[in-house]
Protein backbone atom coordinates (compact mmCIF):
# COMPACT_ATOMS: atom_id res chain seq x y z
CA MET A 1 -19.87 -18.95 4.61
CA SER A 2 -18.81 -15.79 2.69
CA GLU A 3 -18.68 -16.09 -1.07
CA ASN A 4 -16.04 -14.18 -3.11
CA ILE A 5 -16.75 -11.56 -5.54
CA GLU A 6 -14.67 -10.93 -8.75
CA ILE A 7 -13.89 -7.26 -9.78
CA THR A 8 -11.70 -5.44 -12.19
CA VAL A 9 -9.34 -2.75 -11.07
CA LYS A 10 -8.30 -0.11 -13.63
CA LEU A 11 -4.87 1.29 -12.87
CA PHE A 12 -3.53 4.79 -13.81
CA ALA A 13 -0.47 6.96 -13.22
CA ILE A 14 1.63 5.71 -10.32
CA TYR A 15 -0.52 2.47 -9.97
CA GLN A 16 -0.04 1.60 -13.44
CA GLU A 17 3.79 2.33 -13.51
CA THR A 18 4.11 0.24 -10.27
CA TYR A 19 2.10 -2.87 -11.39
CA GLN A 20 3.42 -2.54 -15.18
CA LYS A 21 -0.25 -3.05 -16.40
CA ASP A 22 -3.29 -1.05 -16.72
CA GLU A 23 -5.83 -3.60 -15.26
CA LEU A 24 -5.97 -6.23 -12.37
CA LYS A 25 -8.59 -8.93 -11.83
CA MET A 26 -9.20 -9.35 -8.10
CA SER A 27 -11.05 -11.88 -6.09
CA LEU A 28 -12.35 -10.46 -2.66
CA PRO A 29 -14.60 -11.56 0.10
CA SER A 30 -18.24 -10.38 -0.37
CA ARG A 31 -19.00 -7.13 1.36
CA SER A 32 -15.53 -5.83 0.61
CA SER A 33 -15.18 -2.04 0.12
CA VAL A 34 -13.15 0.11 -2.20
CA GLN A 35 -10.86 0.71 0.67
CA ASP A 36 -10.18 -2.92 0.95
CA VAL A 37 -9.01 -2.96 -2.73
CA LEU A 38 -6.46 -0.12 -1.88
CA GLU A 39 -5.38 -1.98 1.19
CA GLN A 40 -4.66 -5.22 -0.78
CA ILE A 41 -2.71 -3.13 -3.49
CA ILE A 42 -0.67 -1.37 -0.79
CA GLN A 43 0.09 -4.64 0.92
CA THR A 44 1.42 -5.91 -2.39
CA TYR A 45 3.55 -2.77 -3.11
CA PRO A 46 4.13 -0.86 0.16
CA SER A 47 5.98 1.79 -1.77
CA LEU A 48 2.45 3.05 -2.78
CA GLU A 49 1.67 3.81 0.80
CA SER A 50 2.34 7.62 0.32
CA TRP A 51 -0.46 7.71 -2.21
CA ARG A 52 -3.16 6.42 0.09
CA SER A 53 -4.59 9.64 1.28
CA LEU A 54 -4.28 11.28 -2.18
CA THR A 55 -6.18 8.53 -4.08
CA ARG A 56 -9.89 8.96 -5.17
CA PHE A 57 -12.00 6.12 -6.14
CA GLY A 58 -14.52 5.31 -8.78
CA VAL A 59 -16.87 2.38 -9.25
CA ASN A 60 -18.63 1.78 -12.54
CA LEU A 61 -17.74 5.25 -13.85
CA GLN A 62 -19.01 7.09 -10.53
CA PHE A 63 -16.90 8.73 -8.01
CA VAL A 64 -17.47 7.06 -4.66
CA PRO A 65 -16.34 7.24 -1.04
CA PRO A 66 -13.83 4.70 0.10
CA GLU A 67 -16.43 2.71 2.31
CA THR A 68 -18.59 1.93 -0.74
CA ILE A 69 -19.27 -1.87 -0.78
CA LEU A 70 -18.39 -3.70 -4.05
CA GLU A 71 -20.52 -6.16 -5.94
CA ASN A 72 -19.54 -9.13 -8.14
CA GLY A 73 -18.49 -7.73 -11.57
CA ASP A 74 -17.71 -4.04 -10.47
CA GLU A 75 -15.04 -1.99 -12.20
CA VAL A 76 -12.97 -0.05 -9.64
CA VAL A 77 -10.76 2.80 -10.70
CA LEU A 78 -7.95 4.13 -8.51
CA ILE A 79 -7.36 7.80 -9.19
CA PRO A 80 -4.19 9.31 -7.94
CA PRO A 81 -3.56 12.99 -8.42
CA VAL A 82 -2.01 13.62 -11.75
CA ASN A 83 0.08 16.66 -12.81
CA GLY A 84 -1.39 18.79 -15.46
CA GLY A 85 0.64 20.79 -17.83
């Protein structure tokens, strides 16, 4: 039997605009990856699909690859490209 983990997802730019909030609380199966978080977000809002390949990830203030396994209580950040000016 697999336990769930609870994580916080910080949203920026297009993700924040789409969800109309700056943070989500998510419950995922243990051994879920950062990529799984993005999959769930895109399932909820398919319009975000075009951002999939452009998004970078952070966990607990560290840049990480998409296959990084999450632990209970982690803070995940989805970092889409932003236009500077």
